[in-house]
Amino acid sequence: MSAHRPFLKVVVTVASVAALLAPAVVALATGWIKITFTAWSEQPGPDPTPIEAWVLLTLVYLVWTPVVVAGLVGALDRLGYKYTPHDAEQRPSRNERRRRAATMRFLQAREAPPAGAPPARPKRGASPSRRDASSPSRDAVPTGATSAAPGCPSDEPRDDD
């Protein structure tokens, strides 16, 4: 069946175009609608077809065209040519959806605290509304404090007692 699919696709498409032309061909063949042709140098005469016939043909086409297109889409779906609108966004494959979900779970696990850890305390200076004018600024060095690097002898406890 797979070798005949392109041929069947062409046959179904040509059949649908022929089906779309069928109401006009029937209307012209039965004489219900008459079309007259004139030469370039002549003035066209009055239209021999009444307006009601043209309106009825238009209403027939308003119903007939969606039916034929739905049949074409159904036939192509049965042949394995799935219909997707041209500018529709392609749905990610199952593997890609699973990979994205796993990535999101990994990122959420990295941001979450470890299980059993105490709740996180707010960082110092996080909210400026809690700081008042009487508290020292962060840049000020407290009196009596040394600014030695970690591991220096001044970091060790003193025996001043």
N, C-alpha and C. Protein backbone atom coordinates (compact mmCIF):
# COMPACT_ATOMS: atom_id res chain seq x y z
N MET A 1 0.83 -1.20 0.00
CA MET A 1 0.00 0.00 0.00
C MET A 1 0.86 1.25 0.00
N SER A 2 2.06 1.20 0.62
CA SER A 2 2.88 2.40 0.72
C SER A 2 3.40 2.86 -0.64
N ALA A 3 3.58 1.96 -1.60
CA ALA A 3 4.06 2.36 -2.91
C ALA A 3 2.98 3.08 -3.71
N HIS A 4 1.72 2.82 -3.41
CA HIS A 4 0.61 3.42 -4.14
C HIS A 4 0.11 4.71 -3.51
N ARG A 5 0.63 5.07 -2.34
CA ARG A 5 0.12 6.25 -1.63
C ARG A 5 0.26 7.54 -2.43
N PRO A 6 1.41 7.86 -3.01
CA PRO A 6 1.48 9.12 -3.79
C PRO A 6 0.51 9.14 -4.96
N PHE A 7 0.35 7.99 -5.65
CA PHE A 7 -0.59 7.93 -6.76
C PHE A 7 -2.02 8.12 -6.26
N LEU A 8 -2.38 7.47 -5.16
CA LEU A 8 -3.72 7.62 -4.60
C LEU A 8 -3.98 9.04 -4.12
N LYS A 9 -2.94 9.70 -3.62
CA LYS A 9 -3.09 11.08 -3.20
C LYS A 9 -3.46 11.97 -4.39
N VAL A 10 -2.82 11.76 -5.53
CA VAL A 10 -3.12 12.53 -6.73
C VAL A 10 -4.53 12.22 -7.21
N VAL A 11 -4.92 10.94 -7.19
CA VAL A 11 -6.25 10.56 -7.66
C VAL A 11 -7.33 11.19 -6.78
N VAL A 12 -7.14 11.15 -5.45
CA VAL A 12 -8.13 11.72 -4.54
C VAL A 12 -8.21 13.23 -4.73
N THR A 13 -7.09 13.89 -4.94
CA THR A 13 -7.10 15.34 -5.14
C THR A 13 -7.80 15.72 -6.44
N VAL A 14 -7.52 15.01 -7.52
CA VAL A 14 -8.18 15.28 -8.80
C VAL A 14 -9.68 15.00 -8.70
N ALA A 15 -10.05 13.93 -8.00
CA ALA A 15 -11.47 13.60 -7.83
C ALA A 15 -12.19 14.69 -7.04
N SER A 16 -11.52 15.27 -6.06
CA SER A 16 -12.16 16.33 -5.27
C SER A 16 -12.33 17.61 -6.10
N VAL A 17 -11.37 17.91 -6.96
CA VAL A 17 -11.52 19.08 -7.84
C VAL A 17 -12.67 18.83 -8.83
N ALA A 18 -12.77 17.62 -9.34
CA ALA A 18 -13.89 17.29 -10.24
C ALA A 18 -15.22 17.39 -9.50
N ALA A 19 -15.24 16.95 -8.25
CA ALA A 19 -16.47 17.05 -7.45
C ALA A 19 -16.83 18.51 -7.19
N LEU A 20 -15.83 19.36 -7.02
CA LEU A 20 -16.11 20.79 -6.83
C LEU A 20 -16.71 21.41 -8.09
N LEU A 21 -16.33 20.94 -9.25
CA LEU A 21 -16.86 21.48 -10.50
C LEU A 21 -18.24 20.92 -10.86
N ALA A 22 -18.65 19.84 -10.23
CA ALA A 22 -19.88 19.14 -10.61
C ALA A 22 -21.12 20.03 -10.60
N PRO A 23 -21.41 20.84 -9.57
CA PRO A 23 -22.64 21.66 -9.62
C PRO A 23 -22.66 22.64 -10.79
N ALA A 24 -21.53 23.24 -11.12
CA ALA A 24 -21.49 24.19 -12.23
C ALA A 24 -21.70 23.47 -13.56
N VAL A 25 -21.09 22.28 -13.70
CA VAL A 25 -21.24 21.52 -14.93
C VAL A 25 -22.69 21.08 -15.10
N VAL A 26 -23.32 20.63 -14.03
CA VAL A 26 -24.73 20.23 -14.09
C VAL A 26 -25.61 21.42 -14.44
N ALA A 27 -25.37 22.56 -13.82
CA ALA A 27 -26.19 23.75 -14.08
C ALA A 27 -26.04 24.22 -15.53
N LEU A 28 -24.83 24.14 -16.09
CA LEU A 28 -24.62 24.54 -17.48
C LEU A 28 -25.19 23.50 -18.45
N ALA A 29 -25.04 22.20 -18.13
CA ALA A 29 -25.50 21.15 -19.03
C ALA A 29 -27.02 21.10 -19.12
N THR A 30 -27.70 21.39 -18.05
CA THR A 30 -29.16 21.35 -18.06
C THR A 30 -29.77 22.62 -18.63
N GLY A 31 -28.97 23.64 -18.85
CA GLY A 31 -29.48 24.90 -19.38
C GLY A 31 -30.07 25.80 -18.31
N TRP A 32 -29.86 25.41 -17.07
CA TRP A 32 -30.38 26.20 -15.96
C TRP A 32 -29.67 27.55 -15.91
N ILE A 33 -28.36 27.53 -16.23
CA ILE A 33 -27.57 28.76 -16.29
C ILE A 33 -27.00 28.84 -17.70
N LYS A 34 -27.15 29.99 -18.32
CA LYS A 34 -26.65 30.19 -19.68
C LYS A 34 -25.57 31.27 -19.66
N ILE A 35 -24.48 30.97 -20.33
CA ILE A 35 -23.39 31.93 -20.44
C ILE A 35 -23.22 32.25 -21.92
N THR A 36 -23.26 33.51 -22.25
CA THR A 36 -23.08 33.92 -23.65
C THR A 36 -21.75 34.65 -23.80
N PHE A 37 -21.13 34.45 -24.94
CA PHE A 37 -19.85 35.09 -25.22
C PHE A 37 -20.04 36.06 -26.38
N THR A 38 -19.36 37.20 -26.26
CA THR A 38 -19.41 38.19 -27.34
C THR A 38 -17.99 38.51 -27.78
N ALA A 39 -17.89 39.02 -28.99
CA ALA A 39 -16.58 39.40 -29.50
C ALA A 39 -16.12 40.68 -28.81
N TRP A 40 -14.82 40.96 -28.91
CA TRP A 40 -14.27 42.14 -28.25
C TRP A 40 -14.87 43.44 -28.77
N SER A 41 -15.21 43.45 -30.03
CA SER A 41 -15.70 44.70 -30.63
C SER A 41 -17.19 44.92 -30.38
N GLU A 42 -17.92 43.91 -29.93
CA GLU A 42 -19.37 44.04 -29.71
C GLU A 42 -19.68 44.41 -28.27
N GLN A 43 -20.83 45.01 -28.10
CA GLN A 43 -21.33 45.32 -26.75
C GLN A 43 -22.04 44.08 -26.20
N PRO A 44 -21.81 43.77 -24.92
CA PRO A 44 -22.51 42.62 -24.35
C PRO A 44 -24.00 42.91 -24.22
N GLY A 45 -24.80 41.88 -24.44
CA GLY A 45 -26.24 42.01 -24.33
C GLY A 45 -26.69 41.71 -22.90
N PRO A 46 -27.97 41.69 -22.66
CA PRO A 46 -28.48 41.38 -21.33
C PRO A 46 -28.19 39.92 -20.97
N ASP A 47 -28.02 39.67 -19.68
CA ASP A 47 -27.73 38.32 -19.19
C ASP A 47 -28.99 37.47 -19.31
N PRO A 48 -28.91 36.33 -20.03
CA PRO A 48 -30.10 35.51 -20.21
C PRO A 48 -30.48 34.71 -18.96
N THR A 49 -29.58 34.64 -17.97
CA THR A 49 -29.85 33.87 -16.75
C THR A 49 -30.43 34.79 -15.69
N PRO A 50 -31.56 34.38 -15.09
CA PRO A 50 -32.13 35.22 -14.02
C PRO A 50 -31.22 35.23 -12.78
N ILE A 51 -31.33 36.29 -11.99
CA ILE A 51 -30.49 36.44 -10.80
C ILE A 51 -30.77 35.34 -9.78
N GLU A 52 -31.99 34.83 -9.75
CA GLU A 52 -32.34 33.77 -8.80
C GLU A 52 -31.54 32.51 -9.05
N ALA A 53 -31.23 32.22 -10.32
CA ALA A 53 -30.44 31.03 -10.65
C ALA A 53 -29.01 31.18 -10.13
N TRP A 54 -28.43 32.37 -10.28
CA TRP A 54 -27.08 32.61 -9.78
C TRP A 54 -27.03 32.53 -8.25
N VAL A 55 -28.04 33.08 -7.58
CA VAL A 55 -28.10 33.03 -6.12
C VAL A 55 -28.23 31.58 -5.65
N LEU A 56 -29.09 30.80 -6.32
CA LEU A 56 -29.25 29.40 -5.94
C LEU A 56 -27.95 28.61 -6.15
N LEU A 57 -27.25 28.87 -7.25
CA LEU A 57 -25.96 28.20 -7.47
C LEU A 57 -24.95 28.59 -6.40
N THR A 58 -24.95 29.84 -5.99
CA THR A 58 -24.06 30.29 -4.92
C THR A 58 -24.37 29.59 -3.60
N LEU A 59 -25.65 29.46 -3.28
CA LEU A 59 -26.04 28.77 -2.04
C LEU A 59 -25.67 27.29 -2.08
N VAL A 60 -25.81 26.67 -3.27
CA VAL A 60 -25.40 25.27 -3.42
C VAL A 60 -23.90 25.15 -3.14
N TYR A 61 -23.11 26.08 -3.68
CA TYR A 61 -21.66 26.03 -3.47
C TYR A 61 -21.27 26.30 -2.01
N LEU A 62 -22.05 27.12 -1.31
CA LEU A 62 -21.75 27.37 0.11
C LEU A 62 -21.89 26.11 0.94
N VAL A 63 -22.73 25.20 0.53
CA VAL A 63 -22.88 23.93 1.25
C VAL A 63 -21.95 22.87 0.65
N TRP A 64 -21.85 22.84 -0.67
CA TRP A 64 -21.11 21.79 -1.37
C TRP A 64 -19.60 21.85 -1.12
N THR A 65 -19.02 23.02 -1.11
CA THR A 65 -17.56 23.15 -0.95
C THR A 65 -17.05 22.61 0.38
N PRO A 66 -17.64 22.97 1.54
CA PRO A 66 -17.13 22.38 2.79
C PRO A 66 -17.30 20.87 2.86
N VAL A 67 -18.37 20.34 2.25
CA VAL A 67 -18.57 18.88 2.24
C VAL A 67 -17.47 18.20 1.44
N VAL A 68 -17.13 18.74 0.27
CA VAL A 68 -16.09 18.14 -0.56
C VAL A 68 -14.72 18.26 0.12
N VAL A 69 -14.44 19.40 0.72
CA VAL A 69 -13.15 19.58 1.40
C VAL A 69 -13.04 18.63 2.60
N ALA A 70 -14.12 18.46 3.35
CA ALA A 70 -14.09 17.52 4.47
C ALA A 70 -13.86 16.09 3.97
N GLY A 71 -14.47 15.75 2.84
CA GLY A 71 -14.22 14.43 2.25
C GLY A 71 -12.78 14.26 1.81
N LEU A 72 -12.20 15.31 1.22
CA LEU A 72 -10.80 15.26 0.80
C LEU A 72 -9.88 15.07 2.00
N VAL A 73 -10.12 15.83 3.06
CA VAL A 73 -9.28 15.70 4.26
C VAL A 73 -9.43 14.31 4.87
N GLY A 74 -10.66 13.79 4.92
CA GLY A 74 -10.89 12.45 5.45
C GLY A 74 -10.19 11.38 4.62
N ALA A 75 -10.27 11.50 3.29
CA ALA A 75 -9.62 10.52 2.42
C ALA A 75 -8.11 10.57 2.57
N LEU A 76 -7.55 11.77 2.63
CA LEU A 76 -6.09 11.88 2.80
C LEU A 76 -5.65 11.37 4.17
N ASP A 77 -6.46 11.58 5.19
CA ASP A 77 -6.14 11.03 6.51
C ASP A 77 -6.11 9.51 6.47
N ARG A 78 -7.06 8.91 5.74
CA ARG A 78 -7.08 7.45 5.63
C ARG A 78 -5.86 6.93 4.87
N LEU A 79 -5.34 7.75 3.98
CA LEU A 79 -4.14 7.36 3.23
C LEU A 79 -2.87 7.57 4.04
N GLY A 80 -2.98 8.25 5.17
CA GLY A 80 -1.79 8.47 6.01
C GLY A 80 -1.24 9.87 5.92
N TYR A 81 -1.86 10.74 5.15
CA TYR A 81 -1.43 12.14 5.07
C TYR A 81 -2.26 12.93 6.06
N LYS A 82 -1.75 13.09 7.26
CA LYS A 82 -2.51 13.77 8.31
C LYS A 82 -2.54 15.26 8.03
N TYR A 83 -3.71 15.84 8.22
CA TYR A 83 -3.89 17.26 7.95
C TYR A 83 -3.44 18.08 9.15
N THR A 84 -2.57 19.04 8.91
CA THR A 84 -2.20 20.03 9.92
C THR A 84 -2.19 21.38 9.23
N PRO A 85 -2.76 22.38 9.87
CA PRO A 85 -2.71 23.71 9.25
C PRO A 85 -1.26 24.13 9.01
N HIS A 86 -1.04 24.89 7.95
CA HIS A 86 0.32 25.23 7.53
C HIS A 86 1.08 26.00 8.59
N ASP A 87 0.45 26.97 9.24
CA ASP A 87 1.16 27.79 10.21
C ASP A 87 0.92 27.33 11.64
N ALA A 88 0.47 26.10 11.83
CA ALA A 88 0.29 25.59 13.18
C ALA A 88 1.65 25.20 13.76
N GLU A 89 1.80 25.42 15.05
CA GLU A 89 3.04 25.07 15.71
C GLU A 89 3.09 23.56 15.89
N GLN A 90 4.21 22.97 15.54
CA GLN A 90 4.36 21.53 15.65
C GLN A 90 4.41 21.12 17.11
N ARG A 91 3.69 20.07 17.46
CA ARG A 91 3.69 19.56 18.83
C ARG A 91 5.00 18.83 19.05
N PRO A 92 5.66 19.08 20.21
CA PRO A 92 6.93 18.39 20.45
C PRO A 92 6.71 16.88 20.57
N SER A 93 7.71 16.12 20.20
CA SER A 93 7.61 14.67 20.28
C SER A 93 7.53 14.23 21.74
N ARG A 94 7.18 13.00 21.93
CA ARG A 94 7.03 12.47 23.29
C ARG A 94 8.36 12.53 24.03
N ASN A 95 9.44 12.16 23.36
CA ASN A 95 10.77 12.21 24.00
C ASN A 95 11.13 13.63 24.39
N GLU A 96 10.82 14.58 23.53
CA GLU A 96 11.15 15.97 23.85
C GLU A 96 10.32 16.48 25.02
N ARG A 97 9.04 16.11 25.08
CA ARG A 97 8.21 16.52 26.21
C ARG A 97 8.73 15.91 27.51
N ARG A 98 9.13 14.65 27.48
CA ARG A 98 9.67 14.00 28.69
C ARG A 98 10.98 14.65 29.11
N ARG A 99 11.83 15.00 28.12
CA ARG A 99 13.11 15.63 28.43
C ARG A 99 12.90 17.00 29.07
N ARG A 100 11.94 17.77 28.54
CA ARG A 100 11.64 19.08 29.13
C ARG A 100 11.11 18.95 30.55
N ALA A 101 10.24 17.98 30.78
CA ALA A 101 9.69 17.77 32.12
C ALA A 101 10.79 17.37 33.10
N ALA A 102 11.70 16.51 32.67
CA ALA A 102 12.80 16.10 33.54
C ALA A 102 13.72 17.28 33.85
N THR A 103 13.95 18.14 32.87
CA THR A 103 14.78 19.33 33.09
C THR A 103 14.13 20.25 34.11
N MET A 104 12.82 20.45 33.99
CA MET A 104 12.11 21.32 34.94
C MET A 104 12.15 20.73 36.35
N ARG A 105 11.97 19.41 36.48
CA ARG A 105 12.05 18.78 37.80
C ARG A 105 13.45 18.94 38.39
N PHE A 106 14.49 18.80 37.55
CA PHE A 106 15.85 18.96 38.03
C PHE A 106 16.10 20.38 38.52
N LEU A 107 15.65 21.37 37.76
CA LEU A 107 15.85 22.76 38.17
C LEU A 107 15.07 23.09 39.44
N GLN A 108 13.87 22.57 39.58
CA GLN A 108 13.09 22.81 40.79
C GLN A 108 13.74 22.13 41.99
N ALA A 109 14.34 20.96 41.78
CA ALA A 109 15.00 20.26 42.89
C ALA A 109 16.26 21.01 43.33
N ARG A 110 16.95 21.67 42.41
CA ARG A 110 18.14 22.43 42.77
C ARG A 110 17.77 23.68 43.57
N GLU A 111 16.61 24.28 43.26
CA GLU A 111 16.19 25.48 43.96
C GLU A 111 15.56 25.17 45.31
N ALA A 112 15.00 24.02 45.47
CA ALA A 112 14.31 23.66 46.72
C ALA A 112 15.34 23.30 47.78
N PRO A 113 15.04 23.57 49.06
CA PRO A 113 15.97 23.16 50.11
C PRO A 113 15.97 21.64 50.25
N PRO A 114 17.07 21.08 50.80
CA PRO A 114 17.13 19.63 50.97
C PRO A 114 16.03 19.17 51.93
N ALA A 115 15.64 17.92 51.79
CA ALA A 115 14.58 17.37 52.65
C ALA A 115 15.06 17.36 54.10
N GLY A 116 14.24 17.80 55.00
CA GLY A 116 14.56 17.81 56.43
C GLY A 116 15.34 19.03 56.88
N ALA A 117 15.64 19.95 55.99
CA ALA A 117 16.40 21.15 56.36
C ALA A 117 15.45 22.15 57.01
N PRO A 118 15.97 22.93 57.97
CA PRO A 118 15.12 23.95 58.59
C PRO A 118 14.75 25.01 57.55
N PRO A 119 13.67 25.71 57.78
CA PRO A 119 13.29 26.74 56.80
C PRO A 119 14.37 27.81 56.69
N ALA A 120 14.52 28.32 55.51
CA ALA A 120 15.57 29.30 55.24
C ALA A 120 15.27 30.61 55.95
N ARG A 121 16.33 31.23 56.55
CA ARG A 121 16.18 32.52 57.21
C ARG A 121 16.39 33.61 56.18
N PRO A 122 15.72 34.75 56.38
CA PRO A 122 15.93 35.83 55.41
C PRO A 122 17.35 36.37 55.51
N LYS A 123 17.89 36.80 54.40
CA LYS A 123 19.25 37.32 54.37
C LYS A 123 19.29 38.67 55.05
N ARG A 124 20.47 39.01 55.58
CA ARG A 124 20.65 40.31 56.23
C ARG A 124 20.52 41.42 55.23
N GLY A 125 19.84 42.47 55.65
CA GLY A 125 19.70 43.64 54.81
C GLY A 125 18.77 43.41 53.63
N ALA A 126 17.98 42.34 53.68
CA ALA A 126 17.10 42.05 52.56
C ALA A 126 15.95 43.05 52.48
N SER A 127 15.46 43.48 53.64
CA SER A 127 14.34 44.43 53.61
C SER A 127 14.80 45.75 54.21
N PRO A 128 14.86 46.81 53.40
CA PRO A 128 15.34 48.09 53.90
C PRO A 128 14.36 48.74 54.88
N SER A 129 13.12 48.30 54.94
CA SER A 129 12.15 48.91 55.85
C SER A 129 12.44 48.53 57.30
N ARG A 130 13.10 47.41 57.54
CA ARG A 130 13.41 47.00 58.91
C ARG A 130 14.60 47.76 59.48
N ARG A 131 15.45 48.29 58.62
CA ARG A 131 16.63 49.00 59.08
C ARG A 131 16.21 50.42 59.50
N ASP A 132 16.68 50.88 60.60
CA ASP A 132 16.37 52.25 61.03
C ASP A 132 17.65 53.06 61.10
N ALA A 133 17.54 54.31 61.44
CA ALA A 133 18.70 55.23 61.43
C ALA A 133 19.67 54.93 62.57
N SER A 134 19.21 54.32 63.67
CA SER A 134 20.10 54.09 64.80
C SER A 134 21.04 52.91 64.57
N SER A 135 20.73 52.03 63.63
CA SER A 135 21.61 50.88 63.40
C SER A 135 22.77 51.32 62.51
N PRO A 136 23.93 50.77 62.74
CA PRO A 136 25.09 51.15 61.94
C PRO A 136 24.95 50.64 60.51
N SER A 137 25.61 51.34 59.62
CA SER A 137 25.56 50.91 58.23
C SER A 137 26.44 49.68 58.02
N ARG A 138 26.26 49.04 56.89
CA ARG A 138 27.04 47.83 56.63
C ARG A 138 28.50 48.15 56.38
N ASP A 139 28.79 49.34 55.93
CA ASP A 139 30.17 49.69 55.62
C ASP A 139 30.98 50.11 56.84
N ALA A 140 30.29 50.46 57.89
CA ALA A 140 31.00 50.92 59.08
C ALA A 140 31.64 49.73 59.79
N VAL A 141 32.87 49.94 60.28
CA VAL A 141 33.58 48.88 61.00
C VAL A 141 33.30 49.07 62.49
N PRO A 142 32.83 48.05 63.20
CA PRO A 142 32.57 48.19 64.63
C PRO A 142 33.87 48.46 65.39
N THR A 143 33.76 49.18 66.50
CA THR A 143 34.94 49.50 67.29
C THR A 143 35.46 48.25 67.98
N GLY A 144 36.75 48.11 68.05
CA GLY A 144 37.37 46.98 68.72
C GLY A 144 37.49 45.77 67.82
N ALA A 145 36.96 45.81 66.61
CA ALA A 145 37.04 44.65 65.73
C ALA A 145 38.25 44.79 64.84
N THR A 146 38.84 43.69 64.55
CA THR A 146 39.99 43.71 63.65
C THR A 146 39.54 43.16 62.31
N SER A 147 40.19 43.59 61.31
CA SER A 147 39.83 43.12 59.97
C SER A 147 40.90 42.17 59.47
N ALA A 148 41.15 41.12 60.21
CA ALA A 148 42.17 40.15 59.82
C ALA A 148 41.54 39.09 58.92
N ALA A 149 42.35 38.51 58.08
CA ALA A 149 41.88 37.46 57.19
C ALA A 149 41.66 36.19 57.98
N PRO A 150 40.79 35.30 57.51
CA PRO A 150 40.57 34.04 58.23
C PRO A 150 41.86 33.25 58.32
N GLY A 151 42.03 32.61 59.44
CA GLY A 151 43.23 31.81 59.67
C GLY A 151 44.38 32.58 60.28
N CYS A 152 44.24 33.89 60.49
CA CYS A 152 45.29 34.69 61.10
C CYS A 152 45.23 34.51 62.62
N PRO A 153 46.32 34.78 63.32
CA PRO A 153 46.31 34.61 64.77
C PRO A 153 45.30 35.52 65.47
N SER A 154 44.91 36.60 64.86
CA SER A 154 43.98 37.50 65.55
C SER A 154 42.58 36.90 65.58
N ASP A 155 42.28 35.87 64.79
CA ASP A 155 40.97 35.23 64.79
C ASP A 155 40.83 34.24 65.93
N GLU A 156 41.92 33.86 66.54
CA GLU A 156 41.85 32.88 67.61
C GLU A 156 41.33 33.54 68.89
N PRO A 157 40.65 32.80 69.72
CA PRO A 157 40.15 33.39 70.98
C PRO A 157 41.29 33.85 71.88
N ARG A 158 41.06 34.99 72.57
CA ARG A 158 42.09 35.53 73.45
C ARG A 158 41.79 35.17 74.90
N ASP A 159 42.82 35.12 75.70
CA ASP A 159 42.69 34.86 77.14
C ASP A 159 42.87 36.15 77.90
N ASP A 160 41.92 37.09 77.81
CA ASP A 160 42.04 38.36 78.51
C ASP A 160 41.50 38.28 79.93
N ASP A 161 40.83 37.27 80.30
CA ASP A 161 40.21 37.19 81.62
C ASP A 161 41.17 37.12 82.73
